[in-house]
Amino acid sequence: MSVPTPDILRKLREDHELKQDSLAKQLGVVQQTYSNYEKGHSAIPLEYLVKLASFYQVSTDYLLGLTPLEKPAADMGKPYAQGKTLGEVTSALVTLSPQRRRQLLDYLSYLVARQKEDVQKQKIKE
């Protein structure tokens, strides 16, 4: 079995603002063992890979670095926003001209940055 890309494990943990020891407890291992998974020093058992995929709501293929898509392909048919599925949104994206794609990505980056700011402001209020 291939070892999940250590960068993916670390990125997911940091994006969720978690510590290695809290994930280790979720898996029932000691922190050093989890650290070895994240550093790529040890292969992660299939059971733990599945638990992490479920915990983070991502596909095991994503954890293994086999796809850049976090969500399983089955999610493509589920409602995403404004009555559209993720598959429909993706299909619409590929029809855009390169210039429109750049504009959309710029706007998406702006929205993501604003959302992070909103989350930080909310944390300060709490």
C-alpha atoms as a PDB file:
ATOM      1  CA  MET A   1       0.000   0.000   0.000  1.00  0.00           C
ATOM      2  CA  SER A   2       1.313   3.445  -0.797  1.00  0.00           C
ATOM      3  CA  VAL A   3       1.922   5.975   1.949  1.00  0.00           C
ATOM      4  CA  PRO A   4      -0.451   8.985   1.829  1.00  0.00           C
ATOM      5  CA  THR A   5       1.266  12.153   0.788  1.00  0.00           C
ATOM      6  CA  PRO A   6       2.590  13.580   4.074  1.00  0.00           C
ATOM      7  CA  ASP A   7       1.880  17.109   2.877  1.00  0.00           C
ATOM      8  CA  ILE A   8      -1.803  16.247   2.473  1.00  0.00           C
ATOM      9  CA  LEU A   9      -2.082  14.892   6.010  1.00  0.00           C
ATOM     10  CA  ARG A  10      -0.300  17.898   7.461  1.00  0.00           C
ATOM     11  CA  LYS A  11      -2.321  20.387   5.384  1.00  0.00           C
ATOM     12  CA  LEU A  12      -5.630  18.853   6.423  1.00  0.00           C
ATOM     13  CA  ARG A  13      -4.606  18.843  10.082  1.00  0.00           C
ATOM     14  CA  GLU A  14      -3.431  22.446   9.969  1.00  0.00           C
ATOM     15  CA  ASP A  15      -6.490  23.581   7.981  1.00  0.00           C
ATOM     16  CA  HIS A  16      -8.654  22.108  10.741  1.00  0.00           C
ATOM     17  CA  GLU A  17      -6.414  23.697  13.400  1.00  0.00           C
ATOM     18  CA  LEU A  18      -5.698  20.356  15.029  1.00  0.00           C
ATOM     19  CA  LYS A  19      -2.678  19.051  16.892  1.00  0.00           C
ATOM     20  CA  GLN A  20      -1.048  15.722  16.101  1.00  0.00           C
ATOM     21  CA  ASP A  21      -1.915  14.350  19.530  1.00  0.00           C
ATOM     22  CA  SER A  22      -5.644  14.948  19.052  1.00  0.00           C
ATOM     23  CA  LEU A  23      -5.596  13.037  15.753  1.00  0.00           C
ATOM     24  CA  ALA A  24      -3.507  10.307  17.330  1.00  0.00           C
ATOM     25  CA  LYS A  25      -6.198   9.893  19.994  1.00  0.00           C
ATOM     26  CA  GLN A  26      -8.874   9.719  17.267  1.00  0.00           C
ATOM     27  CA  LEU A  27      -6.961   6.840  15.696  1.00  0.00           C
ATOM     28  CA  GLY A  28      -6.018   5.186  18.974  1.00  0.00           C
ATOM     29  CA  VAL A  29      -2.270   5.610  18.501  1.00  0.00           C
ATOM     30  CA  VAL A  30       0.393   7.649  20.263  1.00  0.00           C
ATOM     31  CA  GLN A  31       1.405  11.066  18.913  1.00  0.00           C
ATOM     32  CA  GLN A  32       4.787   9.795  17.676  1.00  0.00           C
ATOM     33  CA  THR A  33       3.078   7.149  15.546  1.00  0.00           C
ATOM     34  CA  TYR A  34       0.817   9.749  13.962  1.00  0.00           C
ATOM     35  CA  SER A  35       3.824  12.018  13.441  1.00  0.00           C
ATOM     36  CA  ASN A  36       5.536   9.174  11.561  1.00  0.00           C
ATOM     37  CA  TYR A  37       2.495   8.861   9.259  1.00  0.00           C
ATOM     38  CA  GLU A  38       2.523  12.595   8.609  1.00  0.00           C
ATOM     39  CA  LYS A  39       6.259  12.641   7.911  1.00  0.00           C
ATOM     40  CA  GLY A  40       6.036   9.620   5.619  1.00  0.00           C
ATOM     41  CA  HIS A  41       8.279   7.524   7.859  1.00  0.00           C
ATOM     42  CA  SER A  42       5.598   4.848   8.367  1.00  0.00           C
ATOM     43  CA  ALA A  43       2.862   3.495   6.142  1.00  0.00           C
ATOM     44  CA  ILE A  44      -0.556   4.270   7.515  1.00  0.00           C
ATOM     45  CA  PRO A  45      -2.771   1.205   7.973  1.00  0.00           C
ATOM     46  CA  LEU A  46      -5.846   1.023   5.769  1.00  0.00           C
ATOM     47  CA  GLU A  47      -8.141   1.183   8.806  1.00  0.00           C
ATOM     48  CA  TYR A  48      -6.654   4.542   9.839  1.00  0.00           C
ATOM     49  CA  LEU A  49      -6.689   5.857   6.283  1.00  0.00           C
ATOM     50  CA  VAL A  50     -10.437   5.194   6.121  1.00  0.00           C
ATOM     51  CA  LYS A  51     -10.977   6.803   9.546  1.00  0.00           C
ATOM     52  CA  LEU A  52      -9.085   9.931   8.479  1.00  0.00           C
ATOM     53  CA  ALA A  53     -10.994  10.153   5.188  1.00  0.00           C
ATOM     54  CA  SER A  54     -14.264   9.933   7.110  1.00  0.00           C
ATOM     55  CA  PHE A  55     -13.108  12.432   9.737  1.00  0.00           C
ATOM     56  CA  TYR A  56     -11.999  15.008   7.158  1.00  0.00           C
ATOM     57  CA  GLN A  57     -14.852  14.219   4.733  1.00  0.00           C
ATOM     58  CA  VAL A  58     -12.421  13.544   1.871  1.00  0.00           C
ATOM     59  CA  SER A  59     -11.796  10.543  -0.354  1.00  0.00           C
ATOM     60  CA  THR A  60      -9.095   8.008   0.387  1.00  0.00           C
ATOM     61  CA  ASP A  61      -7.808   8.675  -3.147  1.00  0.00           C
ATOM     62  CA  TYR A  62      -7.221  12.282  -2.097  1.00  0.00           C
ATOM     63  CA  LEU A  63      -5.335  11.198   1.034  1.00  0.00           C
ATOM     64  CA  LEU A  64      -3.197   8.891  -1.088  1.00  0.00           C
ATOM     65  CA  GLY A  65      -2.393  11.693  -3.519  1.00  0.00           C
ATOM     66  CA  LEU A  66      -4.119   9.907  -6.395  1.00  0.00           C
ATOM     67  CA  THR A  67      -6.488  12.789  -7.133  1.00  0.00           C
ATOM     68  CA  PRO A  68      -6.478  16.513  -6.427  1.00  0.00           C
ATOM     69  CA  LEU A  69     -10.225  16.302  -5.714  1.00  0.00           C
ATOM     70  CA  GLU A  70     -10.949  16.148  -1.993  1.00  0.00           C
ATOM     71  CA  LYS A  71     -14.492  14.902  -2.371  1.00  0.00           C
ATOM     72  CA  PRO A  72     -15.348  11.405  -3.645  1.00  0.00           C
ATOM     73  CA  ALA A  73     -16.710  11.157  -7.192  1.00  0.00           C
ATOM     74  CA  ALA A  74     -20.064  10.114  -5.706  1.00  0.00           C
ATOM     75  CA  ASP A  75     -20.428  13.653  -4.333  1.00  0.00           C
ATOM     76  CA  MET A  76     -20.462  15.090  -7.865  1.00  0.00           C
ATOM     77  CA  GLY A  77     -24.174  14.288  -8.192  1.00  0.00           C
ATOM     78  CA  LYS A  78     -25.206  15.777  -4.859  1.00  0.00           C
ATOM     79  CA  PRO A  79     -26.724  19.252  -4.607  1.00  0.00           C
ATOM     80  CA  TYR A  80     -24.004  21.848  -4.182  1.00  0.00           C
ATOM     81  CA  ALA A  81     -25.462  25.352  -4.448  1.00  0.00           C
ATOM     82  CA  GLN A  82     -28.509  27.039  -5.928  1.00  0.00           C
ATOM     83  CA  GLY A  83     -29.956  23.712  -7.067  1.00  0.00           C
ATOM     84  CA  LYS A  84     -26.847  22.776  -9.033  1.00  0.00           C
ATOM     85  CA  THR A  85     -24.749  19.680  -8.415  1.00  0.00           C
ATOM     86  CA  LEU A  86     -20.996  19.833  -8.063  1.00  0.00           C
ATOM     87  CA  GLY A  87     -20.796  17.992 -11.400  1.00  0.00           C
ATOM     88  CA  GLU A  88     -22.910  20.673 -13.101  1.00  0.00           C
ATOM     89  CA  VAL A  89     -20.761  23.427 -11.615  1.00  0.00           C
ATOM     90  CA  THR A  90     -17.604  21.656 -12.777  1.00  0.00           C
ATOM     91  CA  SER A  91     -19.040  21.144 -16.257  1.00  0.00           C
ATOM     92  CA  ALA A  92     -19.865  24.848 -16.486  1.00  0.00           C
ATOM     93  CA  LEU A  93     -16.330  25.778 -15.406  1.00  0.00           C
ATOM     94  CA  VAL A  94     -14.685  23.894 -18.241  1.00  0.00           C
ATOM     95  CA  THR A  95     -16.785  25.775 -20.796  1.00  0.00           C
ATOM     96  CA  LEU A  96     -15.309  29.126 -19.730  1.00  0.00           C
ATOM     97  CA  SER A  97     -12.631  30.829 -21.783  1.00  0.00           C
ATOM     98  CA  PRO A  98      -9.132  30.964 -20.256  1.00  0.00           C
ATOM     99  CA  GLN A  99      -9.646  34.666 -19.459  1.00  0.00           C
ATOM    100  CA  ARG A 100     -12.948  33.971 -17.657  1.00  0.00           C
ATOM    101  CA  ARG A 101     -11.338  31.091 -15.739  1.00  0.00           C
ATOM    102  CA  ARG A 102      -8.591  33.430 -14.521  1.00  0.00           C
ATOM    103  CA  GLN A 103     -11.198  35.982 -13.470  1.00  0.00           C
ATOM    104  CA  LEU A 104     -13.195  33.322 -11.668  1.00  0.00           C
ATOM    105  CA  LEU A 105     -10.114  32.020  -9.852  1.00  0.00           C
ATOM    106  CA  ASP A 106      -9.139  35.552  -8.850  1.00  0.00           C
ATOM    107  CA  TYR A 107     -12.617  36.127  -7.452  1.00  0.00           C
ATOM    108  CA  LEU A 108     -12.593  32.756  -5.720  1.00  0.00           C
ATOM    109  CA  SER A 109      -9.259  33.603  -4.086  1.00  0.00           C
ATOM    110  CA  TYR A 110     -10.756  36.888  -2.919  1.00  0.00           C
ATOM    111  CA  LEU A 111     -13.803  35.113  -1.432  1.00  0.00           C
ATOM    112  CA  VAL A 112     -11.659  32.524   0.343  1.00  0.00           C
ATOM    113  CA  ALA A 113      -9.475  35.268   1.836  1.00  0.00           C
ATOM    114  CA  ARG A 114     -12.546  37.175   3.018  1.00  0.00           C
ATOM    115  CA  GLN A 115     -13.998  34.040   4.579  1.00  0.00           C
ATOM    116  CA  LYS A 116     -10.752  33.411   6.470  1.00  0.00           C
ATOM    117  CA  GLU A 117     -10.867  37.003   7.731  1.00  0.00           C
ATOM    118  CA  ASP A 118     -14.479  36.524   8.858  1.00  0.00           C
ATOM    119  CA  VAL A 119     -13.548  33.341  10.718  1.00  0.00           C
ATOM    120  CA  GLN A 120     -10.655  35.115  12.450  1.00  0.00           C
ATOM    121  CA  LYS A 121     -12.929  38.016  13.449  1.00  0.00           C
ATOM    122  CA  GLN A 122     -15.472  35.563  14.812  1.00  0.00           C
ATOM    123  CA  LYS A 123     -12.783  33.821  16.888  1.00  0.00           C
ATOM    124  CA  ILE A 124     -11.698  37.149  18.343  1.00  0.00           C
ATOM    125  CA  LYS A 125     -15.292  37.922  19.377  1.00  0.00           C
ATOM    126  CA  GLU A 126     -15.581  34.582  21.169  1.00  0.00           C
END
